[in-house]
Amino acid sequence: MRITQKRRLGLAMVLAMFLALFGLAPAANAAGAASAGMAFSIDSATTQPGGTVNLSMTLTNNKTYDILFVYQTINPTWLTTQRPDLKYSFTGCSLATPTGSTPCSGTGPADLGANYGATIPPGQSRTVTLTLQIAADSGCNGNIGFYSYYYTEFSDQTNVSGGPVFTPETRVLCA
């Protein structure tokens, strides 16, 4: 029996949705984030129980108008939530601007938008860095990963939305 073109497309779309849902395809989503001005990085791909990792999110205004408003959420990936032995929390937050670094002013990982300190002029960036503390009694050999949705409004009354965008993962190792 021959598979029609529509069936092939449908199978490809189901596979892509499955990979995105389970956090197995972060590279494709990260590329979409870069074109919209959001980039993620971590200072270490691995840590041990009791260690910390800094997760940085940089928002760049690549338009010719000011960014007036930013809304962003960050949540653990589905695979991360399936490992109840992985214990972690966000213990710190800072905002890096062209004039220096300050503590965050937003409400934390559930709503990071206020932390970017909008207004952001054209061509400038803001970086929010969250400190991820791994509990001393955390399980090992698991990845901690997050996904994010964001929304920005510009002074020309346009907006940009993105997500889900997957952050780099941190692997918790034990010696």
Protein backbone atom coordinates (compact mmCIF):
# COMPACT_ATOMS: atom_id res chain seq x y z
CA MET A 1 0.00 0.00 0.00
CA ARG A 2 1.40 3.42 -0.95
CA ILE A 3 1.65 6.20 1.59
CA THR A 4 0.29 9.44 0.21
CA GLN A 5 2.05 12.79 0.56
CA LYS A 6 -0.48 13.94 3.18
CA ARG A 7 0.16 10.87 5.32
CA ARG A 8 3.92 11.45 5.17
CA LEU A 9 3.45 15.06 6.22
CA GLY A 10 1.12 13.97 9.01
CA LEU A 11 3.59 11.40 10.29
CA ALA A 12 6.41 13.96 10.24
CA MET A 13 4.29 16.48 12.14
CA VAL A 14 3.29 13.90 14.79
CA LEU A 15 6.95 12.93 15.26
CA ALA A 16 8.05 16.59 15.54
CA MET A 17 5.30 17.31 18.07
CA PHE A 18 6.28 14.23 20.11
CA LEU A 19 9.94 15.30 20.19
CA ALA A 20 9.07 18.87 21.19
CA LEU A 21 6.60 17.72 23.87
CA PHE A 22 9.15 15.51 25.58
CA GLY A 23 12.01 17.98 25.34
CA LEU A 24 14.07 15.90 22.95
CA ALA A 25 14.45 18.54 20.22
CA PRO A 26 15.88 21.68 21.85
CA ALA A 27 18.21 22.68 19.00
CA ALA A 28 15.43 23.53 16.58
CA ASN A 29 13.64 25.63 19.16
CA ALA A 30 16.79 27.44 20.25
CA ALA A 31 17.39 28.58 16.68
CA GLY A 32 13.92 30.12 16.63
CA ALA A 33 14.70 31.95 19.85
CA ALA A 34 17.89 33.48 18.45
CA SER A 35 16.04 35.06 15.52
CA ALA A 36 13.59 36.64 17.96
CA GLY A 37 16.31 38.05 20.23
CA MET A 38 16.30 35.54 23.14
CA ALA A 39 19.35 33.38 23.93
CA PHE A 40 20.06 30.97 26.80
CA SER A 41 23.32 29.73 28.33
CA ILE A 42 24.56 27.91 31.42
CA ASP A 43 27.95 28.21 33.08
CA SER A 44 28.30 24.44 33.57
CA ALA A 45 26.72 21.46 31.81
CA THR A 46 27.24 19.27 34.88
CA THR A 47 27.17 19.68 38.64
CA GLN A 48 26.99 17.54 41.74
CA PRO A 49 24.49 17.48 44.59
CA GLY A 50 25.07 20.63 46.64
CA GLY A 51 26.41 22.53 43.62
CA THR A 52 25.08 25.55 41.75
CA VAL A 53 24.63 26.41 38.06
CA ASN A 54 23.92 29.84 36.59
CA LEU A 55 21.26 29.93 33.88
CA SER A 56 21.47 33.13 31.82
CA MET A 57 18.80 34.48 29.48
CA THR A 58 19.74 37.36 27.19
CA LEU A 59 17.07 39.43 25.48
CA THR A 60 18.37 41.56 22.60
CA ASN A 61 16.31 44.32 21.03
CA ASN A 62 16.96 43.72 17.33
CA LYS A 63 14.32 46.20 16.18
CA THR A 64 14.49 49.95 15.66
CA TYR A 65 11.98 50.69 18.43
CA ASP A 66 12.24 50.41 22.22
CA ILE A 67 11.05 47.28 24.02
CA LEU A 68 8.47 48.57 26.48
CA PHE A 69 7.25 45.32 28.04
CA VAL A 70 8.54 41.77 28.51
CA TYR A 71 6.69 38.75 29.85
CA GLN A 72 8.53 35.45 30.30
CA THR A 73 7.90 32.24 32.20
CA ILE A 74 10.27 29.34 32.83
CA ASN A 75 9.19 25.84 33.81
CA PRO A 76 10.85 22.43 34.17
CA THR A 77 10.62 20.11 31.17
CA TRP A 78 8.36 17.09 31.37
CA LEU A 79 11.35 14.74 31.69
CA THR A 80 12.66 16.80 34.62
CA THR A 81 9.32 16.55 36.42
CA GLN A 82 9.37 12.76 36.03
CA ARG A 83 12.43 12.46 38.30
CA PRO A 84 11.19 13.20 41.84
CA ASP A 85 14.69 12.44 43.18
CA LEU A 86 16.11 15.53 41.42
CA LYS A 87 15.88 18.34 43.96
CA TYR A 88 16.70 21.93 43.05
CA SER A 89 15.55 25.49 43.52
CA PHE A 90 16.30 28.96 42.17
CA THR A 91 18.19 30.80 44.90
CA GLY A 92 19.36 33.97 43.19
CA CYS A 93 18.61 36.34 40.34
CA SER A 94 20.52 39.25 38.82
CA LEU A 95 20.05 41.63 35.89
CA ALA A 96 23.04 42.71 33.79
CA THR A 97 22.65 46.01 31.93
CA PRO A 98 25.14 48.22 30.07
CA THR A 99 25.66 50.17 33.32
CA GLY A 100 26.24 47.20 35.65
CA SER A 101 24.49 44.42 37.50
CA THR A 102 21.61 44.65 39.99
CA PRO A 103 19.40 42.17 41.86
CA CYS A 104 16.24 41.20 40.00
CA SER A 105 13.06 43.14 40.60
CA GLY A 106 10.53 40.64 39.24
CA THR A 107 8.69 37.83 40.94
CA GLY A 108 11.14 35.09 40.01
CA PRO A 109 11.11 32.10 37.68
CA ALA A 110 7.34 31.96 37.32
CA ASP A 111 7.30 35.49 35.82
CA LEU A 112 10.71 36.75 34.70
CA GLY A 113 9.48 39.61 32.53
CA ALA A 114 9.75 42.39 35.10
CA ASN A 115 13.37 41.41 35.74
CA TYR A 116 14.53 42.66 32.31
CA GLY A 117 14.08 46.27 33.36
CA ALA A 118 12.28 47.40 30.17
CA THR A 119 12.59 49.93 28.46
CA ILE A 120 15.31 48.36 26.29
CA PRO A 121 16.59 50.66 23.51
CA PRO A 122 17.29 49.33 19.99
CA GLY A 123 20.50 47.30 19.73
CA GLN A 124 20.86 46.82 23.49
CA SER A 125 20.59 43.62 25.52
CA ARG A 126 19.57 42.66 29.02
CA THR A 127 20.70 39.45 30.69
CA VAL A 128 18.85 37.85 33.58
CA THR A 129 20.86 35.17 35.41
CA LEU A 130 19.15 32.70 37.71
CA THR A 131 21.19 30.67 40.20
CA LEU A 132 20.04 27.06 40.23
CA GLN A 133 20.92 25.35 43.54
CA ILE A 134 21.03 21.55 43.45
CA ALA A 135 20.06 20.08 46.83
CA ALA A 136 22.73 18.13 48.72
CA ASP A 137 20.41 15.10 48.82
CA SER A 138 19.40 15.30 45.14
CA GLY A 139 19.35 12.20 43.00
CA CYS A 140 22.05 11.62 40.40
CA ASN A 141 22.37 10.84 36.70
CA GLY A 142 19.44 12.98 35.70
CA ASN A 143 19.11 16.08 33.54
CA ILE A 144 17.47 19.25 34.83
CA GLY A 145 16.05 21.25 31.95
CA PHE A 146 13.57 24.08 31.47
CA TYR A 147 11.40 25.55 28.77
CA SER A 148 10.30 29.13 28.39
CA TYR A 149 7.62 31.21 26.74
CA TYR A 150 8.15 34.92 26.24
CA TYR A 151 6.34 37.93 24.84
CA THR A 152 7.71 41.41 24.14
CA GLU A 153 5.97 44.63 23.14
CA PHE A 154 7.69 47.43 21.22
CA SER A 155 7.03 51.17 21.14
CA ASP A 156 5.80 50.89 17.54
CA GLN A 157 2.87 48.79 18.88
CA THR A 158 4.17 45.50 17.49
CA ASN A 159 5.03 42.42 19.51
CA VAL A 160 7.08 39.23 19.33
CA SER A 161 6.18 35.91 20.95
CA GLY A 162 8.29 32.79 21.28
CA GLY A 163 8.17 29.38 22.79
CA PRO A 164 8.43 26.84 23.90
CA VAL A 165 12.15 27.52 23.89
CA PHE A 166 14.29 24.95 25.67
CA THR A 167 17.24 25.99 27.84
CA PRO A 168 20.47 23.97 27.96
CA GLU A 169 20.25 21.08 30.43
CA THR A 170 22.35 20.47 33.53
CA ARG A 171 23.33 16.91 34.34
CA VAL A 172 23.56 16.02 38.04
CA LEU A 173 26.52 13.69 38.57
CA CYS A 174 27.71 11.80 41.63
CA ALA A 175 31.30 10.84 42.30
